[in-house]
Amino acid sequence: MHTPDTAIGTRFLDALGRRDYEDLAACFSGDATLRAIVPPGAREADGPEAITERFRIWTEDTGDYELLEAEASPFADLLRLRWAVRGTEAGADEATMFEQTAYAEVSGGLITALRLACSGDRPLG
């Protein structure tokens, strides 16, 4: 069994924290896939550009955006990524937070598949 290097996960989380969508896209192989369960339902994207656009939709308009926690660790032959974000959604009065956990398949130092689950926006108090 191959245990993945966490370097690509750390790069992904760093790019996400900075909302650097160009660097985020560079974390994915050309044929990468995203399968996500987020409120209100399933989302899928294929290829680095489409996957990055999905993350852009989830984070770009968040005011006071802050990555509170981020972790990349091996899990069997996968890379487990977990992060929590605090921010204020466009049009909202109060900040919320959400957490996402993903399992990545890695090959050649790039993410080839990402399966993700999201908590949805939760109140801070």
N, C-alpha and C. Protein backbone atom coordinates (compact mmCIF):
# COMPACT_ATOMS: atom_id res chain seq x y z
N MET A 1 0.85 -1.18 0.00
CA MET A 1 0.00 0.00 0.00
C MET A 1 0.90 1.24 0.00
N HIS A 2 0.58 2.18 -0.84
CA HIS A 2 1.32 3.43 -0.95
C HIS A 2 0.69 4.49 -0.04
N THR A 3 1.49 5.10 0.83
CA THR A 3 1.03 6.19 1.68
C THR A 3 1.38 7.51 0.98
N PRO A 4 0.40 8.35 0.69
CA PRO A 4 0.67 9.57 -0.07
C PRO A 4 1.47 10.61 0.73
N ASP A 5 2.30 11.34 0.02
CA ASP A 5 3.03 12.46 0.59
C ASP A 5 2.03 13.58 0.87
N THR A 6 2.18 14.26 1.99
CA THR A 6 1.24 15.32 2.35
C THR A 6 1.56 16.66 1.69
N ALA A 7 2.67 16.76 0.95
CA ALA A 7 3.09 18.04 0.37
C ALA A 7 2.00 18.66 -0.51
N ILE A 8 1.35 17.87 -1.35
CA ILE A 8 0.32 18.45 -2.23
C ILE A 8 -0.89 18.89 -1.41
N GLY A 9 -1.18 18.20 -0.34
CA GLY A 9 -2.28 18.61 0.55
C GLY A 9 -1.97 19.92 1.24
N THR A 10 -0.73 20.08 1.69
CA THR A 10 -0.32 21.34 2.32
C THR A 10 -0.39 22.48 1.31
N ARG A 11 0.05 22.23 0.08
CA ARG A 11 -0.02 23.26 -0.97
C ARG A 11 -1.47 23.64 -1.26
N PHE A 12 -2.35 22.63 -1.36
CA PHE A 12 -3.77 22.86 -1.60
C PHE A 12 -4.36 23.74 -0.49
N LEU A 13 -4.10 23.38 0.76
CA LEU A 13 -4.66 24.13 1.89
C LEU A 13 -4.11 25.55 1.96
N ASP A 14 -2.83 25.71 1.65
CA ASP A 14 -2.24 27.05 1.63
C ASP A 14 -2.91 27.91 0.55
N ALA A 15 -3.09 27.35 -0.64
CA ALA A 15 -3.73 28.09 -1.73
C ALA A 15 -5.18 28.43 -1.37
N LEU A 16 -5.88 27.49 -0.74
CA LEU A 16 -7.26 27.73 -0.33
C LEU A 16 -7.31 28.85 0.72
N GLY A 17 -6.39 28.83 1.66
CA GLY A 17 -6.34 29.85 2.70
C GLY A 17 -6.11 31.24 2.13
N ARG A 18 -5.32 31.32 1.06
CA ARG A 18 -5.05 32.61 0.42
C ARG A 18 -6.07 32.93 -0.69
N ARG A 19 -6.95 32.00 -0.96
CA ARG A 19 -7.88 32.10 -2.10
C ARG A 19 -7.11 32.39 -3.38
N ASP A 20 -6.01 31.67 -3.55
CA ASP A 20 -5.18 31.76 -4.75
C ASP A 20 -5.66 30.65 -5.69
N TYR A 21 -6.62 30.99 -6.54
CA TYR A 21 -7.28 29.98 -7.37
C TYR A 21 -6.36 29.43 -8.45
N GLU A 22 -5.38 30.20 -8.88
CA GLU A 22 -4.42 29.71 -9.86
C GLU A 22 -3.55 28.62 -9.24
N ASP A 23 -3.06 28.86 -8.04
CA ASP A 23 -2.25 27.86 -7.34
C ASP A 23 -3.10 26.66 -6.95
N LEU A 24 -4.36 26.89 -6.61
CA LEU A 24 -5.27 25.79 -6.28
C LEU A 24 -5.43 24.87 -7.48
N ALA A 25 -5.64 25.44 -8.65
CA ALA A 25 -5.80 24.64 -9.88
C ALA A 25 -4.55 23.80 -10.16
N ALA A 26 -3.38 24.35 -9.83
CA ALA A 26 -2.13 23.65 -10.09
C ALA A 26 -1.95 22.42 -9.20
N CYS A 27 -2.80 22.24 -8.21
CA CYS A 27 -2.74 21.08 -7.33
C CYS A 27 -3.39 19.84 -7.95
N PHE A 28 -4.12 20.03 -9.04
CA PHE A 28 -4.91 18.94 -9.63
C PHE A 28 -4.32 18.48 -10.96
N SER A 29 -4.40 17.18 -11.21
CA SER A 29 -3.99 16.63 -12.50
C SER A 29 -5.01 17.05 -13.56
N GLY A 30 -4.63 16.94 -14.81
CA GLY A 30 -5.51 17.35 -15.90
C GLY A 30 -6.82 16.60 -15.97
N ASP A 31 -6.85 15.36 -15.47
CA ASP A 31 -8.07 14.55 -15.51
C ASP A 31 -8.69 14.38 -14.12
N ALA A 32 -8.36 15.27 -13.19
CA ALA A 32 -8.87 15.17 -11.82
C ALA A 32 -10.39 15.29 -11.76
N THR A 33 -10.96 14.66 -10.73
CA THR A 33 -12.41 14.72 -10.52
C THR A 33 -12.71 15.18 -9.09
N LEU A 34 -13.83 15.87 -8.96
CA LEU A 34 -14.35 16.29 -7.65
C LEU A 34 -15.76 15.73 -7.52
N ARG A 35 -16.02 15.08 -6.40
CA ARG A 35 -17.35 14.62 -6.05
C ARG A 35 -17.61 15.15 -4.65
N ALA A 36 -18.62 16.00 -4.48
CA ALA A 36 -18.83 16.67 -3.20
C ALA A 36 -20.29 16.57 -2.77
N ILE A 37 -20.46 16.42 -1.47
CA ILE A 37 -21.78 16.51 -0.85
C ILE A 37 -21.75 17.78 0.00
N VAL A 38 -22.52 18.76 -0.41
CA VAL A 38 -22.61 20.05 0.28
C VAL A 38 -24.08 20.45 0.33
N PRO A 39 -24.47 21.19 1.35
CA PRO A 39 -25.83 21.70 1.31
C PRO A 39 -25.97 22.64 0.12
N PRO A 40 -26.85 22.43 -0.77
CA PRO A 40 -28.05 21.63 -0.69
C PRO A 40 -27.99 20.27 -1.37
N GLY A 41 -26.83 19.82 -1.89
CA GLY A 41 -26.81 18.51 -2.54
C GLY A 41 -25.46 18.19 -3.14
N ALA A 42 -25.45 17.22 -4.05
CA ALA A 42 -24.22 16.74 -4.67
C ALA A 42 -23.73 17.73 -5.73
N ARG A 43 -22.41 17.84 -5.81
CA ARG A 43 -21.75 18.66 -6.83
C ARG A 43 -20.63 17.84 -7.42
N GLU A 44 -20.45 17.95 -8.72
CA GLU A 44 -19.37 17.24 -9.40
C GLU A 44 -18.67 18.20 -10.34
N ALA A 45 -17.37 17.98 -10.52
CA ALA A 45 -16.60 18.78 -11.45
C ALA A 45 -15.46 17.91 -11.97
N ASP A 46 -15.10 18.10 -13.21
CA ASP A 46 -14.02 17.35 -13.84
C ASP A 46 -13.00 18.31 -14.42
N GLY A 47 -11.74 18.09 -14.10
CA GLY A 47 -10.65 18.91 -14.59
C GLY A 47 -10.32 20.04 -13.63
N PRO A 48 -9.08 20.50 -13.65
CA PRO A 48 -8.63 21.52 -12.69
C PRO A 48 -9.41 22.82 -12.75
N GLU A 49 -9.77 23.26 -13.94
CA GLU A 49 -10.49 24.53 -14.06
C GLU A 49 -11.89 24.44 -13.45
N ALA A 50 -12.60 23.37 -13.76
CA ALA A 50 -13.96 23.20 -13.22
C ALA A 50 -13.94 22.99 -11.70
N ILE A 51 -12.95 22.24 -11.22
CA ILE A 51 -12.84 22.02 -9.78
C ILE A 51 -12.54 23.34 -9.07
N THR A 52 -11.61 24.09 -9.62
CA THR A 52 -11.25 25.38 -9.03
C THR A 52 -12.43 26.34 -9.06
N GLU A 53 -13.21 26.32 -10.12
CA GLU A 53 -14.41 27.17 -10.19
C GLU A 53 -15.39 26.82 -9.06
N ARG A 54 -15.50 25.56 -8.74
CA ARG A 54 -16.38 25.14 -7.65
C ARG A 54 -15.89 25.76 -6.33
N PHE A 55 -14.58 25.70 -6.06
CA PHE A 55 -14.04 26.31 -4.84
C PHE A 55 -14.20 27.83 -4.88
N ARG A 56 -14.08 28.42 -6.04
CA ARG A 56 -14.28 29.86 -6.18
C ARG A 56 -15.72 30.23 -5.79
N ILE A 57 -16.68 29.45 -6.27
CA ILE A 57 -18.10 29.69 -5.95
C ILE A 57 -18.31 29.61 -4.44
N TRP A 58 -17.65 28.66 -3.79
CA TRP A 58 -17.83 28.46 -2.36
C TRP A 58 -17.14 29.52 -1.51
N THR A 59 -16.10 30.19 -2.01
CA THR A 59 -15.29 31.04 -1.14
C THR A 59 -15.09 32.48 -1.61
N GLU A 60 -15.21 32.76 -2.88
CA GLU A 60 -14.79 34.06 -3.40
C GLU A 60 -15.53 35.25 -2.79
N ASP A 61 -16.84 35.13 -2.58
CA ASP A 61 -17.64 36.25 -2.09
C ASP A 61 -17.75 36.30 -0.57
N THR A 62 -16.98 35.48 0.13
CA THR A 62 -17.01 35.46 1.58
C THR A 62 -16.18 36.62 2.13
N GLY A 63 -16.82 37.52 2.88
CA GLY A 63 -16.11 38.62 3.51
C GLY A 63 -15.42 38.14 4.78
N ASP A 64 -14.37 38.82 5.18
CA ASP A 64 -13.61 38.47 6.39
C ASP A 64 -13.19 37.00 6.37
N TYR A 65 -12.87 36.50 5.19
CA TYR A 65 -12.50 35.10 4.99
C TYR A 65 -11.28 34.75 5.82
N GLU A 66 -11.39 33.66 6.59
CA GLU A 66 -10.25 33.22 7.40
C GLU A 66 -10.26 31.70 7.50
N LEU A 67 -9.15 31.10 7.15
CA LEU A 67 -8.99 29.66 7.33
C LEU A 67 -8.59 29.44 8.78
N LEU A 68 -9.50 28.88 9.57
CA LEU A 68 -9.28 28.71 11.01
C LEU A 68 -8.41 27.51 11.34
N GLU A 69 -8.63 26.44 10.63
CA GLU A 69 -7.91 25.19 10.85
C GLU A 69 -7.65 24.55 9.51
N ALA A 70 -6.53 23.86 9.39
CA ALA A 70 -6.23 23.12 8.17
C ALA A 70 -5.31 21.96 8.51
N GLU A 71 -5.60 20.80 7.95
CA GLU A 71 -4.82 19.62 8.25
C GLU A 71 -4.75 18.71 7.03
N ALA A 72 -3.56 18.22 6.74
CA ALA A 72 -3.36 17.22 5.69
C ALA A 72 -2.66 16.03 6.34
N SER A 73 -3.26 14.85 6.22
CA SER A 73 -2.65 13.67 6.83
C SER A 73 -2.99 12.44 6.00
N PRO A 74 -2.09 11.44 6.00
CA PRO A 74 -2.37 10.21 5.27
C PRO A 74 -3.50 9.42 5.93
N PHE A 75 -4.28 8.76 5.11
CA PHE A 75 -5.28 7.82 5.59
C PHE A 75 -5.25 6.64 4.62
N ALA A 76 -4.66 5.54 5.05
CA ALA A 76 -4.44 4.38 4.18
C ALA A 76 -3.71 4.86 2.92
N ASP A 77 -4.28 4.63 1.74
CA ASP A 77 -3.63 5.06 0.50
C ASP A 77 -4.17 6.41 0.02
N LEU A 78 -4.93 7.10 0.87
CA LEU A 78 -5.51 8.40 0.52
C LEU A 78 -4.87 9.51 1.35
N LEU A 79 -5.13 10.73 0.94
CA LEU A 79 -4.71 11.90 1.69
C LEU A 79 -5.97 12.55 2.25
N ARG A 80 -6.06 12.64 3.58
CA ARG A 80 -7.21 13.26 4.22
C ARG A 80 -6.92 14.75 4.40
N LEU A 81 -7.84 15.58 3.94
CA LEU A 81 -7.73 17.04 4.08
C LEU A 81 -8.92 17.53 4.86
N ARG A 82 -8.66 18.38 5.83
CA ARG A 82 -9.75 18.95 6.62
C ARG A 82 -9.44 20.41 6.86
N TRP A 83 -10.48 21.25 6.70
CA TRP A 83 -10.29 22.67 6.94
C TRP A 83 -11.59 23.29 7.43
N ALA A 84 -11.43 24.37 8.18
CA ALA A 84 -12.58 25.13 8.68
C ALA A 84 -12.38 26.58 8.27
N VAL A 85 -13.46 27.19 7.80
CA VAL A 85 -13.43 28.56 7.31
C VAL A 85 -14.42 29.40 8.09
N ARG A 86 -14.00 30.60 8.47
CA ARG A 86 -14.87 31.59 9.09
C ARG A 86 -15.02 32.73 8.10
N GLY A 87 -16.24 33.28 8.02
CA GLY A 87 -16.45 34.42 7.14
C GLY A 87 -17.89 34.86 7.14
N THR A 88 -18.14 35.90 6.38
CA THR A 88 -19.48 36.45 6.26
C THR A 88 -19.93 36.30 4.82
N GLU A 89 -21.01 35.57 4.62
CA GLU A 89 -21.54 35.39 3.27
C GLU A 89 -22.09 36.71 2.75
N ALA A 90 -22.03 36.89 1.44
CA ALA A 90 -22.56 38.10 0.82
C ALA A 90 -24.01 38.29 1.24
N GLY A 91 -24.35 39.48 1.72
CA GLY A 91 -25.71 39.80 2.13
C GLY A 91 -26.07 39.39 3.55
N ALA A 92 -25.17 38.69 4.23
CA ALA A 92 -25.45 38.24 5.60
C ALA A 92 -24.96 39.29 6.60
N ASP A 93 -25.60 39.32 7.76
CA ASP A 93 -25.23 40.26 8.80
C ASP A 93 -24.17 39.72 9.76
N GLU A 94 -24.15 38.40 9.94
CA GLU A 94 -23.26 37.80 10.92
C GLU A 94 -22.37 36.75 10.27
N ALA A 95 -21.16 36.63 10.82
CA ALA A 95 -20.22 35.63 10.34
C ALA A 95 -20.69 34.23 10.74
N THR A 96 -20.31 33.28 9.94
CA THR A 96 -20.57 31.87 10.20
C THR A 96 -19.27 31.11 9.95
N MET A 97 -19.32 29.82 10.16
CA MET A 97 -18.18 28.98 9.80
C MET A 97 -18.68 27.71 9.15
N PHE A 98 -17.80 27.09 8.36
CA PHE A 98 -18.10 25.78 7.81
C PHE A 98 -16.84 24.95 7.83
N GLU A 99 -17.03 23.64 7.84
CA GLU A 99 -15.90 22.71 7.81
C GLU A 99 -16.09 21.78 6.64
N GLN A 100 -15.00 21.47 5.97
CA GLN A 100 -15.03 20.50 4.90
C GLN A 100 -13.95 19.46 5.17
N THR A 101 -14.29 18.22 4.88
CA THR A 101 -13.35 17.11 4.96
C THR A 101 -13.33 16.44 3.60
N ALA A 102 -12.13 16.16 3.12
CA ALA A 102 -12.00 15.55 1.80
C ALA A 102 -10.98 14.42 1.84
N TYR A 103 -11.17 13.47 0.96
CA TYR A 103 -10.22 12.39 0.77
C TYR A 103 -9.72 12.48 -0.66
N ALA A 104 -8.39 12.58 -0.80
CA ALA A 104 -7.79 12.79 -2.10
C ALA A 104 -6.99 11.56 -2.54
N GLU A 105 -7.15 11.21 -3.79
CA GLU A 105 -6.25 10.25 -4.42
C GLU A 105 -5.14 11.09 -5.05
N VAL A 106 -3.90 10.66 -4.84
CA VAL A 106 -2.74 11.41 -5.31
C VAL A 106 -1.89 10.52 -6.19
N SER A 107 -1.44 11.08 -7.32
CA SER A 107 -0.54 10.38 -8.21
C SER A 107 0.39 11.39 -8.87
N GLY A 108 1.66 11.07 -8.92
CA GLY A 108 2.62 11.98 -9.53
C GLY A 108 2.68 13.33 -8.83
N GLY A 109 2.37 13.36 -7.54
CA GLY A 109 2.44 14.59 -6.77
C GLY A 109 1.26 15.53 -6.96
N LEU A 110 0.20 15.07 -7.65
CA LEU A 110 -0.99 15.89 -7.88
C LEU A 110 -2.24 15.15 -7.42
N ILE A 111 -3.27 15.90 -7.12
CA ILE A 111 -4.55 15.31 -6.74
C ILE A 111 -5.27 14.85 -8.00
N THR A 112 -5.64 13.57 -8.04
CA THR A 112 -6.35 13.03 -9.20
C THR A 112 -7.84 12.86 -8.95
N ALA A 113 -8.22 12.75 -7.69
CA ALA A 113 -9.64 12.63 -7.33
C ALA A 113 -9.82 13.17 -5.92
N LEU A 114 -10.92 13.90 -5.72
CA LEU A 114 -11.21 14.49 -4.42
C LEU A 114 -12.67 14.22 -4.10
N ARG A 115 -12.91 13.56 -2.96
CA ARG A 115 -14.26 13.30 -2.46
C ARG A 115 -14.43 14.13 -1.20
N LEU A 116 -15.45 14.97 -1.17
CA LEU A 116 -15.57 16.01 -0.15
C LEU A 116 -16.95 16.02 0.49
N ALA A 117 -16.99 16.31 1.79
CA ALA A 117 -18.25 16.52 2.51
C ALA A 117 -18.14 17.83 3.27
N CYS A 118 -19.25 18.59 3.31
CA CYS A 118 -19.26 19.90 3.94
C CYS A 118 -20.33 19.97 5.02
N SER A 119 -19.99 20.66 6.11
CA SER A 119 -20.92 20.83 7.22
C SER A 119 -22.04 21.82 6.89
N GLY A 120 -21.82 22.69 5.91
CA GLY A 120 -22.73 23.81 5.66
C GLY A 120 -22.41 24.92 6.65
N ASP A 121 -22.93 26.11 6.37
CA ASP A 121 -22.67 27.26 7.25
C ASP A 121 -23.30 27.03 8.62
N ARG A 122 -22.49 27.26 9.65
CA ARG A 122 -22.94 27.06 11.03
C ARG A 122 -22.72 28.35 11.81
N PRO A 123 -23.60 28.66 12.76
CA PRO A 123 -23.42 29.87 13.56
C PRO A 123 -22.17 29.76 14.43
N LEU A 124 -21.56 30.90 14.71
CA LEU A 124 -20.34 30.90 15.53
C LEU A 124 -20.62 30.76 17.01
N GLY A 125 -21.75 31.21 17.47
CA GLY A 125 -22.05 31.22 18.91
C GLY A 125 -22.41 29.92 19.40
